[in-house]
Amino acid sequence: METVASPGCLCVLLCVVVTVAASTTLPPSPPHPCMSLTTCDACLANVTCLWCQTNATCMDYPVSYVIPPSSVCKLSQARWGVCWVNFEALIIAMAVVCGVLLLAITVCCCCCCYRCGRTRHSSRLDPYEGEYARKREEIRQRSDERKAERKTRHDEIRKKYGLIPDTDHPYSKFEND
């Protein structure tokens, strides 16, 4: 029996792979703490640091929150990873990219499942296809036989009443010479 993984199983497998990939070790932090860094590029060289554009300070990323609260720095003024993209735009871009990827994966899974299902469905019908063709042929032959019988009966009736010219029939019409 052939088994096909359900989308739920695929989603769980994908989550496990992402979790394992995300659990890799981070590079050792530089000897300087985040507070001592004065430029955005130097601050963001360390992934544990967050640059706040409003007061031009570098601070430790608040790891207890996924998204830094506005009390630490406004999202539109916070920089993480690169200096030229604010945290708000980074979150929106990442959400769009993740949404597009999830949509693409879902469409691919649906297409694959549809093709597999259609292939399995048609392979189940193949043994019966010959039987159906044979039955259709038998029905057509019986219909042709009945049609031939009807034609013969109708011709006999026509001969009986002289509707078909027949020379040996005693009641055939006389021709005037």
Protein backbone atom coordinates (compact mmCIF):
# COMPACT_ATOMS: atom_id res chain seq x y z
CA MET A 1 0.00 0.00 0.00
CA GLU A 2 1.36 3.38 -0.96
CA THR A 3 1.37 6.08 1.72
CA VAL A 4 1.45 9.82 1.13
CA ALA A 5 2.52 12.26 3.84
CA SER A 6 -0.23 14.64 4.85
CA PRO A 7 0.37 18.41 4.81
CA GLY A 8 0.29 18.38 8.62
CA CYS A 9 3.17 15.89 8.74
CA LEU A 10 5.11 17.94 6.23
CA CYS A 11 4.55 21.08 8.33
CA VAL A 12 5.79 19.33 11.49
CA LEU A 13 8.85 18.05 9.61
CA LEU A 14 9.56 21.55 8.29
CA CYS A 15 9.29 23.00 11.83
CA VAL A 16 11.73 20.41 13.15
CA VAL A 17 14.23 21.19 10.40
CA VAL A 18 13.96 24.94 11.03
CA THR A 19 14.36 24.42 14.79
CA VAL A 20 17.45 22.27 14.33
CA ALA A 21 18.92 24.78 11.87
CA ALA A 22 18.19 27.67 14.26
CA SER A 23 19.83 25.91 17.21
CA THR A 24 23.31 26.28 15.77
CA THR A 25 25.83 27.97 18.02
CA LEU A 26 26.34 31.70 17.75
CA PRO A 27 29.84 33.10 17.13
CA PRO A 28 31.63 34.27 20.27
CA SER A 29 30.73 37.79 21.25
CA PRO A 30 33.39 40.48 20.76
CA PRO A 31 35.29 41.59 23.81
CA HIS A 32 33.54 45.00 23.78
CA PRO A 33 30.08 45.23 25.36
CA CYS A 34 27.37 46.80 23.23
CA MET A 35 27.21 50.01 25.33
CA SER A 36 30.77 50.99 24.42
CA LEU A 37 30.18 50.96 20.64
CA THR A 38 29.47 54.37 19.10
CA THR A 39 28.73 53.70 15.40
CA CYS A 40 25.90 51.74 13.82
CA ASP A 41 28.22 49.51 11.76
CA ALA A 42 30.38 48.63 14.76
CA CYS A 43 27.29 48.00 16.90
CA LEU A 44 25.57 45.72 14.40
CA ALA A 45 28.72 43.69 13.78
CA ASN A 46 27.66 41.88 16.96
CA VAL A 47 24.32 40.10 16.53
CA THR A 48 23.44 40.55 20.20
CA CYS A 49 23.44 44.36 19.86
CA LEU A 50 20.64 46.72 18.80
CA TRP A 51 21.22 50.25 17.47
CA CYS A 52 18.71 52.96 18.34
CA GLN A 53 18.73 55.80 15.81
CA THR A 54 16.88 58.36 17.99
CA ASN A 55 19.63 58.73 20.59
CA ALA A 56 22.46 57.05 18.57
CA THR A 57 23.15 54.40 21.20
CA CYS A 58 24.06 50.76 21.02
CA MET A 59 22.38 48.45 23.52
CA ASP A 60 22.02 44.77 24.21
CA TYR A 61 19.15 43.21 22.29
CA PRO A 62 16.31 42.45 24.72
CA VAL A 63 16.31 38.66 24.29
CA SER A 64 13.33 38.20 26.58
CA TYR A 65 11.21 39.73 23.76
CA VAL A 66 11.08 38.64 20.15
CA ILE A 67 10.38 42.20 19.08
CA PRO A 68 11.98 44.92 21.21
CA PRO A 69 9.35 46.95 23.10
CA SER A 70 8.85 50.62 22.31
CA SER A 71 10.19 51.50 25.78
CA VAL A 72 13.64 50.36 24.60
CA CYS A 73 13.46 52.03 21.15
CA LYS A 74 10.73 52.71 18.57
CA LEU A 75 10.61 50.04 15.86
CA SER A 76 10.91 52.68 13.15
CA GLN A 77 14.17 53.90 14.75
CA ALA A 78 15.66 50.54 15.80
CA ARG A 79 18.30 48.88 13.63
CA TRP A 80 19.33 45.22 13.81
CA GLY A 81 21.41 43.27 11.33
CA VAL A 82 22.02 46.17 8.92
CA CYS A 83 22.05 49.92 9.43
CA TRP A 84 20.06 50.89 6.35
CA VAL A 85 16.86 48.97 7.26
CA ASN A 86 14.79 49.80 10.32
CA PHE A 87 13.37 47.03 12.46
CA GLU A 88 9.80 47.73 11.36
CA ALA A 89 10.64 47.32 7.66
CA LEU A 90 12.74 44.26 8.49
CA ILE A 91 9.79 42.59 10.24
CA ILE A 92 7.41 43.41 7.36
CA ALA A 93 9.90 42.15 4.75
CA MET A 94 10.55 38.93 6.67
CA ALA A 95 6.79 38.36 7.09
CA VAL A 96 6.20 38.84 3.36
CA VAL A 97 9.08 36.54 2.41
CA CYS A 98 7.91 33.86 4.87
CA GLY A 99 4.33 34.18 3.62
CA VAL A 100 5.40 33.81 0.00
CA LEU A 101 7.55 30.78 0.87
CA LEU A 102 4.73 29.13 2.82
CA LEU A 103 2.31 29.81 -0.01
CA ALA A 104 4.74 28.36 -2.57
CA ILE A 105 5.34 25.26 -0.44
CA THR A 106 1.59 24.80 0.07
CA VAL A 107 0.90 25.13 -3.66
CA CYS A 108 3.67 22.65 -4.48
CA CYS A 109 2.36 20.15 -1.92
CA CYS A 110 -1.20 20.51 -3.23
CA CYS A 111 -0.06 20.03 -6.83
CA CYS A 112 1.98 16.95 -5.92
CA CYS A 113 -0.88 15.45 -3.92
CA TYR A 114 -3.33 16.16 -6.75
CA ARG A 115 -1.05 14.49 -9.29
CA CYS A 116 -0.44 11.48 -7.03
CA GLY A 117 -4.14 11.13 -6.34
CA ARG A 118 -5.05 11.42 -10.00
CA THR A 119 -2.41 8.85 -10.95
CA ARG A 120 -3.61 6.43 -8.28
CA HIS A 121 -7.24 6.98 -9.29
CA SER A 122 -6.57 6.33 -12.98
CA SER A 123 -4.47 3.24 -12.20
CA ARG A 124 -7.41 1.81 -10.24
CA LEU A 125 -9.70 2.29 -13.23
CA ASP A 126 -7.36 0.71 -15.77
CA PRO A 127 -8.35 -2.94 -14.97
CA TYR A 128 -12.02 -2.01 -15.27
CA GLU A 129 -11.58 -0.03 -18.48
CA GLY A 130 -11.34 -3.21 -20.58
CA GLU A 131 -14.47 -4.62 -18.93
CA TYR A 132 -16.41 -1.42 -19.66
CA ALA A 133 -15.26 -1.41 -23.28
CA ARG A 134 -16.35 -5.05 -23.67
CA LYS A 135 -19.79 -4.31 -22.19
CA ARG A 136 -20.23 -1.30 -24.49
CA GLU A 137 -19.35 -3.48 -27.49
CA GLU A 138 -21.87 -6.16 -26.43
CA ILE A 139 -24.60 -3.53 -26.04
CA ARG A 140 -23.80 -2.11 -29.49
CA GLN A 141 -23.93 -5.59 -31.08
CA ARG A 142 -27.32 -6.38 -29.46
CA SER A 143 -28.62 -3.03 -30.67
CA ASP A 144 -27.45 -3.78 -34.22
CA GLU A 145 -29.13 -7.24 -34.07
CA ARG A 146 -32.43 -5.74 -32.91
CA LYS A 147 -32.20 -3.11 -35.64
CA ALA A 148 -31.67 -5.82 -38.29
CA GLU A 149 -34.64 -7.84 -36.92
CA ARG A 150 -36.90 -4.76 -37.06
CA LYS A 151 -35.83 -4.05 -40.64
CA THR A 152 -36.60 -7.66 -41.67
CA ARG A 153 -40.06 -7.54 -40.03
CA HIS A 154 -40.86 -4.20 -41.65
CA ASP A 155 -39.75 -5.48 -45.07
CA GLU A 156 -42.02 -8.55 -44.65
CA ILE A 157 -44.96 -6.29 -43.80
CA ARG A 158 -44.23 -4.08 -46.82
CA LYS A 159 -44.10 -7.16 -49.10
CA LYS A 160 -47.37 -8.45 -47.68
CA TYR A 161 -49.21 -5.24 -48.52
CA GLY A 162 -47.45 -4.67 -51.83
CA LEU A 163 -45.41 -1.67 -50.82
CA ILE A 164 -42.25 -3.29 -52.13
CA PRO A 165 -42.35 -4.37 -55.80
CA ASP A 166 -42.06 -8.16 -55.81
CA THR A 167 -42.67 -10.16 -59.02
CA ASP A 168 -43.69 -13.46 -57.46
CA HIS A 169 -46.25 -11.89 -55.12
CA PRO A 170 -49.84 -12.70 -56.27
CA TYR A 171 -51.27 -9.35 -55.24
CA SER A 172 -48.71 -7.16 -57.00
CA LYS A 173 -50.05 -4.21 -58.95
CA PHE A 174 -50.84 -4.71 -62.63
CA GLU A 175 -49.26 -2.40 -65.07
CA ASN A 176 -51.38 -1.11 -67.96
CA ASP A 177 -49.79 -1.74 -71.35
